[in-house]
Amino acid sequence: MSKINHCPCGSKKNYSVCCELIHNKHSLAVTPELLMRSRYSAHVKGLTQYIIDTYHPSCNAEELKEGIEDSIELDWRKLKVISSHLSDKSGNEGFVSFKATYSEDGQLYQLKELSRFLKENGKWYYIDGEIE
C-alpha cells in the first residue's frame, strides 16, 4: 500500500499532481491563489530558486535570497487561504489573504498576510504583501 504524499498547499491533492507540476514548470499557476499556494509549498519543500523566480522582476529577489533561505528553514505546518480576488477589470492584479502556521524553537506562530500579485505576459508574480 503506497503512502499518499499530500501537497503542502492544503489542496488535499497529491503533491505530484498539484504544486510539483508548477514547481517543475510543467504547468503555470493560472491564478494568484495558485501561485501563493505554490510559493507556500516551495517554502515547505525548500525550493529557494522557485520562490525567487516567482517574485515580480522589479523586486530584485536575488537580493532577498538570504532572507528567503532563512524563512525556508522554519517548520511550516499549515496554510489556510482566507480570501482571493482580482482587483481590476483587466484581471492583472490580484490579492490573496492567508494564514500560515509555522514552528520555531518549539513555539507555534502564525503569519497573516494580504499578498498582492501582478500578471505580466500571461504569468503571475508576487509583488508585495501586508503583514496583518
N, C-alpha and C. Protein backbone atom coordinates (compact mmCIF):
# COMPACT_ATOMS: atom_id res chain seq x y z
N MET A 1 0.84 -1.18 0.00
CA MET A 1 0.00 0.00 0.00
C MET A 1 0.89 1.24 0.00
N SER A 2 0.66 2.15 -0.93
CA SER A 2 1.51 3.33 -1.03
C SER A 2 0.94 4.48 -0.19
N LYS A 3 1.88 5.25 0.35
CA LYS A 3 1.50 6.39 1.17
C LYS A 3 1.22 7.58 0.26
N ILE A 4 0.13 8.27 0.51
CA ILE A 4 -0.21 9.45 -0.28
C ILE A 4 0.66 10.61 0.19
N ASN A 5 1.25 11.30 -0.75
CA ASN A 5 2.10 12.44 -0.47
C ASN A 5 1.29 13.71 -0.71
N HIS A 6 0.51 14.11 0.30
CA HIS A 6 -0.34 15.29 0.14
C HIS A 6 0.49 16.54 -0.11
N CYS A 7 -0.04 17.41 -0.95
CA CYS A 7 0.62 18.67 -1.25
C CYS A 7 0.55 19.58 -0.01
N PRO A 8 1.65 20.24 0.32
CA PRO A 8 1.65 21.13 1.48
C PRO A 8 0.69 22.32 1.35
N CYS A 9 0.23 22.61 0.14
CA CYS A 9 -0.60 23.80 -0.09
C CYS A 9 -1.99 23.69 0.50
N GLY A 10 -2.36 22.49 0.95
CA GLY A 10 -3.67 22.31 1.57
C GLY A 10 -4.76 21.90 0.61
N SER A 11 -4.42 21.59 -0.62
CA SER A 11 -5.43 21.23 -1.63
C SER A 11 -6.02 19.84 -1.42
N LYS A 12 -5.37 19.02 -0.62
CA LYS A 12 -5.74 17.61 -0.40
C LYS A 12 -5.44 16.74 -1.62
N LYS A 13 -4.73 17.30 -2.59
CA LYS A 13 -4.27 16.52 -3.75
C LYS A 13 -2.87 15.99 -3.46
N ASN A 14 -2.46 15.01 -4.23
CA ASN A 14 -1.11 14.52 -4.16
C ASN A 14 -0.18 15.60 -4.70
N TYR A 15 0.96 15.80 -4.06
CA TYR A 15 1.92 16.81 -4.49
C TYR A 15 2.28 16.66 -5.97
N SER A 16 2.40 15.42 -6.44
CA SER A 16 2.82 15.18 -7.83
C SER A 16 1.81 15.68 -8.86
N VAL A 17 0.56 15.87 -8.49
CA VAL A 17 -0.45 16.37 -9.42
C VAL A 17 -0.93 17.77 -9.01
N CYS A 18 -0.19 18.40 -8.14
CA CYS A 18 -0.58 19.73 -7.66
C CYS A 18 0.62 20.67 -7.84
N CYS A 19 1.19 21.15 -6.77
CA CYS A 19 2.25 22.15 -6.85
C CYS A 19 3.54 21.66 -7.50
N GLU A 20 3.80 20.36 -7.45
CA GLU A 20 5.02 19.86 -8.09
C GLU A 20 5.01 20.15 -9.59
N LEU A 21 3.85 20.09 -10.22
CA LEU A 21 3.76 20.41 -11.65
C LEU A 21 4.15 21.86 -11.91
N ILE A 22 3.76 22.74 -11.01
CA ILE A 22 4.11 24.16 -11.15
C ILE A 22 5.59 24.36 -10.83
N HIS A 23 6.07 23.73 -9.76
CA HIS A 23 7.48 23.86 -9.38
C HIS A 23 8.41 23.39 -10.49
N ASN A 24 8.00 22.34 -11.20
CA ASN A 24 8.84 21.79 -12.27
C ASN A 24 8.55 22.40 -13.64
N LYS A 25 7.74 23.45 -13.66
CA LYS A 25 7.42 24.20 -14.88
C LYS A 25 6.67 23.38 -15.92
N HIS A 26 5.93 22.36 -15.46
CA HIS A 26 5.07 21.60 -16.36
C HIS A 26 3.69 22.24 -16.46
N SER A 27 3.43 23.18 -15.57
CA SER A 27 2.14 23.86 -15.51
C SER A 27 2.38 25.26 -14.94
N LEU A 28 1.51 26.20 -15.32
CA LEU A 28 1.59 27.56 -14.77
C LEU A 28 0.58 27.73 -13.65
N ALA A 29 0.91 28.58 -12.70
CA ALA A 29 -0.07 28.99 -11.70
C ALA A 29 -0.97 30.01 -12.39
N VAL A 30 -2.19 29.62 -12.70
CA VAL A 30 -3.07 30.43 -13.54
C VAL A 30 -3.89 31.45 -12.75
N THR A 31 -3.77 31.45 -11.43
CA THR A 31 -4.45 32.44 -10.59
C THR A 31 -3.49 32.89 -9.50
N PRO A 32 -3.75 34.06 -8.90
CA PRO A 32 -2.92 34.47 -7.77
C PRO A 32 -2.94 33.45 -6.63
N GLU A 33 -4.11 32.86 -6.37
CA GLU A 33 -4.18 31.88 -5.28
C GLU A 33 -3.31 30.66 -5.57
N LEU A 34 -3.33 30.17 -6.79
CA LEU A 34 -2.47 29.02 -7.12
C LEU A 34 -1.00 29.37 -6.99
N LEU A 35 -0.62 30.59 -7.37
CA LEU A 35 0.77 31.00 -7.21
C LEU A 35 1.14 31.08 -5.73
N MET A 36 0.25 31.67 -4.93
CA MET A 36 0.53 31.76 -3.50
C MET A 36 0.66 30.37 -2.88
N ARG A 37 -0.25 29.46 -3.23
CA ARG A 37 -0.17 28.10 -2.70
C ARG A 37 1.13 27.42 -3.13
N SER A 38 1.53 27.63 -4.38
CA SER A 38 2.77 27.01 -4.86
C SER A 38 3.99 27.61 -4.16
N ARG A 39 3.94 28.89 -3.84
CA ARG A 39 5.04 29.52 -3.11
C ARG A 39 5.13 28.98 -1.68
N TYR A 40 3.97 28.80 -1.04
CA TYR A 40 3.96 28.20 0.30
C TYR A 40 4.58 26.80 0.23
N SER A 41 4.13 26.00 -0.73
CA SER A 41 4.67 24.64 -0.88
C SER A 41 6.17 24.66 -1.14
N ALA A 42 6.62 25.65 -1.88
CA ALA A 42 8.06 25.79 -2.14
C ALA A 42 8.83 26.06 -0.85
N HIS A 43 8.23 26.82 0.06
CA HIS A 43 8.86 27.02 1.37
C HIS A 43 8.99 25.68 2.10
N VAL A 44 7.92 24.92 2.09
CA VAL A 44 7.93 23.62 2.78
C VAL A 44 8.97 22.68 2.15
N LYS A 45 9.06 22.70 0.83
CA LYS A 45 9.95 21.78 0.10
C LYS A 45 11.38 22.30 -0.04
N GLY A 46 11.64 23.54 0.40
CA GLY A 46 12.99 24.09 0.33
C GLY A 46 13.42 24.55 -1.05
N LEU A 47 12.49 25.04 -1.84
CA LEU A 47 12.76 25.42 -3.23
C LEU A 47 13.03 26.92 -3.35
N THR A 48 14.20 27.33 -2.88
CA THR A 48 14.57 28.75 -2.86
C THR A 48 14.46 29.39 -4.23
N GLN A 49 14.99 28.75 -5.26
CA GLN A 49 15.01 29.37 -6.59
C GLN A 49 13.61 29.59 -7.13
N TYR A 50 12.69 28.67 -6.84
CA TYR A 50 11.30 28.86 -7.29
C TYR A 50 10.71 30.12 -6.65
N ILE A 51 10.97 30.30 -5.39
CA ILE A 51 10.44 31.49 -4.70
C ILE A 51 11.03 32.75 -5.32
N ILE A 52 12.32 32.75 -5.56
CA ILE A 52 12.97 33.90 -6.20
C ILE A 52 12.37 34.15 -7.58
N ASP A 53 12.20 33.10 -8.36
CA ASP A 53 11.70 33.24 -9.74
C ASP A 53 10.27 33.74 -9.80
N THR A 54 9.49 33.57 -8.74
CA THR A 54 8.08 33.98 -8.77
C THR A 54 7.85 35.35 -8.15
N TYR A 55 8.91 36.00 -7.70
CA TYR A 55 8.80 37.42 -7.34
C TYR A 55 8.70 38.22 -8.64
N HIS A 56 8.00 39.33 -8.59
CA HIS A 56 7.96 40.24 -9.74
C HIS A 56 9.38 40.71 -10.04
N PRO A 57 9.75 40.83 -11.32
CA PRO A 57 11.12 41.24 -11.66
C PRO A 57 11.56 42.55 -11.00
N SER A 58 10.64 43.46 -10.73
CA SER A 58 11.01 44.73 -10.10
C SER A 58 11.47 44.57 -8.65
N CYS A 59 11.25 43.42 -8.07
CA CYS A 59 11.60 43.18 -6.66
C CYS A 59 13.08 42.83 -6.45
N ASN A 60 13.80 42.54 -7.53
CA ASN A 60 15.21 42.14 -7.40
C ASN A 60 15.37 41.05 -6.35
N ALA A 61 14.63 39.98 -6.51
CA ALA A 61 14.54 38.93 -5.48
C ALA A 61 15.87 38.25 -5.18
N GLU A 62 16.80 38.24 -6.11
CA GLU A 62 18.11 37.64 -5.81
C GLU A 62 18.74 38.30 -4.59
N GLU A 63 18.46 39.59 -4.40
CA GLU A 63 18.99 40.30 -3.23
C GLU A 63 18.32 39.85 -1.93
N LEU A 64 17.18 39.18 -2.04
CA LEU A 64 16.44 38.70 -0.88
C LEU A 64 16.75 37.24 -0.55
N LYS A 65 17.68 36.65 -1.28
CA LYS A 65 17.92 35.21 -1.18
C LYS A 65 18.21 34.75 0.25
N GLU A 66 19.02 35.48 0.98
CA GLU A 66 19.37 35.06 2.35
C GLU A 66 18.13 35.02 3.24
N GLY A 67 17.28 36.03 3.15
CA GLY A 67 16.05 36.05 3.93
C GLY A 67 15.09 34.94 3.53
N ILE A 68 15.04 34.65 2.24
CA ILE A 68 14.20 33.55 1.74
C ILE A 68 14.70 32.23 2.30
N GLU A 69 16.01 32.04 2.27
CA GLU A 69 16.58 30.80 2.81
C GLU A 69 16.29 30.66 4.30
N ASP A 70 16.35 31.77 5.04
CA ASP A 70 16.01 31.74 6.47
C ASP A 70 14.56 31.33 6.68
N SER A 71 13.66 31.86 5.85
CA SER A 71 12.24 31.53 6.02
C SER A 71 11.96 30.07 5.65
N ILE A 72 12.72 29.53 4.73
CA ILE A 72 12.57 28.13 4.35
C ILE A 72 12.96 27.21 5.50
N GLU A 73 13.89 27.66 6.33
CA GLU A 73 14.35 26.85 7.46
C GLU A 73 13.29 26.68 8.54
N LEU A 74 12.26 27.52 8.54
CA LEU A 74 11.19 27.37 9.53
C LEU A 74 10.41 26.08 9.25
N ASP A 75 9.76 25.57 10.27
CA ASP A 75 8.96 24.35 10.14
C ASP A 75 7.53 24.76 9.81
N TRP A 76 7.25 24.89 8.52
CA TRP A 76 5.92 25.31 8.06
C TRP A 76 4.94 24.17 8.26
N ARG A 77 3.81 24.45 8.92
CA ARG A 77 2.88 23.41 9.33
C ARG A 77 1.57 23.38 8.55
N LYS A 78 1.00 24.57 8.29
CA LYS A 78 -0.35 24.59 7.70
C LYS A 78 -0.60 25.92 6.99
N LEU A 79 -1.34 25.83 5.90
CA LEU A 79 -1.76 27.01 5.15
C LEU A 79 -3.28 27.06 5.12
N LYS A 80 -3.82 28.24 5.39
CA LYS A 80 -5.26 28.45 5.25
C LYS A 80 -5.48 29.72 4.43
N VAL A 81 -6.12 29.56 3.27
CA VAL A 81 -6.47 30.71 2.44
C VAL A 81 -7.77 31.29 2.96
N ILE A 82 -7.76 32.58 3.24
CA ILE A 82 -8.95 33.26 3.76
C ILE A 82 -9.78 33.82 2.62
N SER A 83 -9.12 34.48 1.67
CA SER A 83 -9.84 35.03 0.52
C SER A 83 -8.87 35.23 -0.64
N SER A 84 -9.46 35.33 -1.83
CA SER A 84 -8.68 35.53 -3.04
C SER A 84 -9.56 36.26 -4.04
N HIS A 85 -9.03 37.35 -4.63
CA HIS A 85 -9.84 38.08 -5.61
C HIS A 85 -8.95 38.90 -6.55
N LEU A 86 -9.48 39.19 -7.72
CA LEU A 86 -8.84 40.09 -8.67
C LEU A 86 -9.35 41.49 -8.37
N SER A 87 -8.48 42.49 -8.55
CA SER A 87 -8.86 43.84 -8.13
C SER A 87 -9.32 44.74 -9.26
N ASP A 88 -9.06 44.38 -10.48
CA ASP A 88 -9.43 45.30 -11.57
C ASP A 88 -10.03 44.53 -12.74
N LYS A 89 -10.63 45.28 -13.64
CA LYS A 89 -11.30 44.66 -14.79
C LYS A 89 -10.32 43.97 -15.73
N SER A 90 -9.09 44.45 -15.77
CA SER A 90 -8.10 43.83 -16.66
C SER A 90 -7.70 42.44 -16.18
N GLY A 91 -7.91 42.17 -14.90
CA GLY A 91 -7.54 40.86 -14.35
C GLY A 91 -6.05 40.68 -14.17
N ASN A 92 -5.31 41.79 -14.10
CA ASN A 92 -3.85 41.72 -13.99
C ASN A 92 -3.31 42.01 -12.60
N GLU A 93 -4.19 42.21 -11.64
CA GLU A 93 -3.77 42.39 -10.25
C GLU A 93 -4.70 41.57 -9.37
N GLY A 94 -4.10 40.85 -8.44
CA GLY A 94 -4.91 40.02 -7.55
C GLY A 94 -4.37 40.04 -6.14
N PHE A 95 -5.25 39.68 -5.21
CA PHE A 95 -4.89 39.65 -3.79
C PHE A 95 -5.29 38.31 -3.19
N VAL A 96 -4.46 37.83 -2.28
CA VAL A 96 -4.77 36.61 -1.54
C VAL A 96 -4.48 36.88 -0.07
N SER A 97 -5.47 36.65 0.76
CA SER A 97 -5.30 36.75 2.21
C SER A 97 -5.16 35.33 2.75
N PHE A 98 -4.15 35.13 3.60
CA PHE A 98 -3.91 33.78 4.11
C PHE A 98 -3.32 33.82 5.52
N LYS A 99 -3.37 32.66 6.15
CA LYS A 99 -2.70 32.41 7.42
C LYS A 99 -1.79 31.21 7.22
N ALA A 100 -0.56 31.32 7.65
CA ALA A 100 0.38 30.20 7.59
C ALA A 100 0.92 29.95 9.00
N THR A 101 0.81 28.72 9.43
CA THR A 101 1.29 28.35 10.76
C THR A 101 2.66 27.70 10.62
N TYR A 102 3.58 28.12 11.50
CA TYR A 102 4.92 27.54 11.49
C TYR A 102 5.44 27.39 12.92
N SER A 103 6.47 26.59 13.05
CA SER A 103 7.09 26.33 14.35
C SER A 103 8.54 26.79 14.29
N GLU A 104 8.97 27.42 15.38
CA GLU A 104 10.37 27.82 15.50
C GLU A 104 10.76 27.67 16.96
N ASP A 105 11.82 26.95 17.21
CA ASP A 105 12.30 26.71 18.58
C ASP A 105 11.20 26.18 19.49
N GLY A 106 10.38 25.29 18.96
CA GLY A 106 9.33 24.65 19.76
C GLY A 106 8.09 25.49 19.98
N GLN A 107 8.05 26.70 19.45
CA GLN A 107 6.89 27.59 19.59
C GLN A 107 6.13 27.64 18.28
N LEU A 108 4.80 27.66 18.37
CA LEU A 108 3.96 27.83 17.17
C LEU A 108 3.69 29.31 16.95
N TYR A 109 3.75 29.71 15.70
CA TYR A 109 3.47 31.09 15.30
C TYR A 109 2.53 31.07 14.10
N GLN A 110 1.92 32.22 13.86
CA GLN A 110 1.04 32.33 12.70
C GLN A 110 1.36 33.61 11.95
N LEU A 111 1.60 33.47 10.66
CA LEU A 111 1.82 34.60 9.77
C LEU A 111 0.51 34.88 9.06
N LYS A 112 0.02 36.11 9.17
CA LYS A 112 -1.19 36.51 8.44
C LYS A 112 -0.76 37.59 7.45
N GLU A 113 -1.10 37.38 6.19
CA GLU A 113 -0.66 38.32 5.16
C GLU A 113 -1.73 38.51 4.10
N LEU A 114 -1.79 39.72 3.58
CA LEU A 114 -2.55 40.02 2.38
C LEU A 114 -1.51 40.23 1.29
N SER A 115 -1.39 39.26 0.40
CA SER A 115 -0.38 39.29 -0.66
C SER A 115 -0.96 39.90 -1.93
N ARG A 116 -0.11 40.64 -2.63
CA ARG A 116 -0.53 41.25 -3.91
C ARG A 116 0.28 40.61 -5.04
N PHE A 117 -0.41 40.33 -6.12
CA PHE A 117 0.18 39.67 -7.28
C PHE A 117 -0.12 40.47 -8.54
N LEU A 118 0.83 40.47 -9.47
CA LEU A 118 0.65 41.12 -10.77
C LEU A 118 0.85 40.09 -11.87
N LYS A 119 0.05 40.25 -12.91
CA LYS A 119 0.16 39.36 -14.07
C LYS A 119 0.79 40.13 -15.22
N GLU A 120 1.87 39.58 -15.76
CA GLU A 120 2.55 40.18 -16.90
C GLU A 120 2.86 39.09 -17.91
N ASN A 121 2.55 39.36 -19.16
CA ASN A 121 2.81 38.41 -20.25
C ASN A 121 2.25 37.02 -19.92
N GLY A 122 1.06 37.01 -19.34
CA GLY A 122 0.37 35.76 -19.05
C GLY A 122 0.86 35.01 -17.82
N LYS A 123 1.77 35.60 -17.05
CA LYS A 123 2.35 34.92 -15.89
C LYS A 123 2.15 35.76 -14.63
N TRP A 124 1.72 35.10 -13.54
CA TRP A 124 1.52 35.77 -12.26
C TRP A 124 2.84 35.84 -11.48
N TYR A 125 3.03 36.98 -10.78
CA TYR A 125 4.19 37.19 -9.93
C TYR A 125 3.74 37.76 -8.58
N TYR A 126 4.46 37.41 -7.53
CA TYR A 126 4.27 38.03 -6.22
C TYR A 126 4.97 39.38 -6.26
N ILE A 127 4.28 40.44 -5.87
CA ILE A 127 4.89 41.77 -5.86
C ILE A 127 5.16 42.26 -4.44
N ASP A 128 4.19 42.11 -3.55
CA ASP A 128 4.39 42.52 -2.16
C ASP A 128 3.23 42.03 -1.30
N GLY A 129 3.32 42.29 -0.02
CA GLY A 129 2.26 41.87 0.89
C GLY A 129 2.27 42.70 2.15
N GLU A 130 1.12 42.74 2.79
CA GLU A 130 0.98 43.43 4.07
C GLU A 130 0.78 42.39 5.16
N ILE A 131 1.68 42.40 6.14
CA ILE A 131 1.53 41.51 7.29
C ILE A 131 0.43 42.09 8.17
N GLU A 132 -0.50 41.23 8.54
CA GLU A 132 -1.63 41.68 9.36
C GLU A 132 -1.37 41.41 10.82
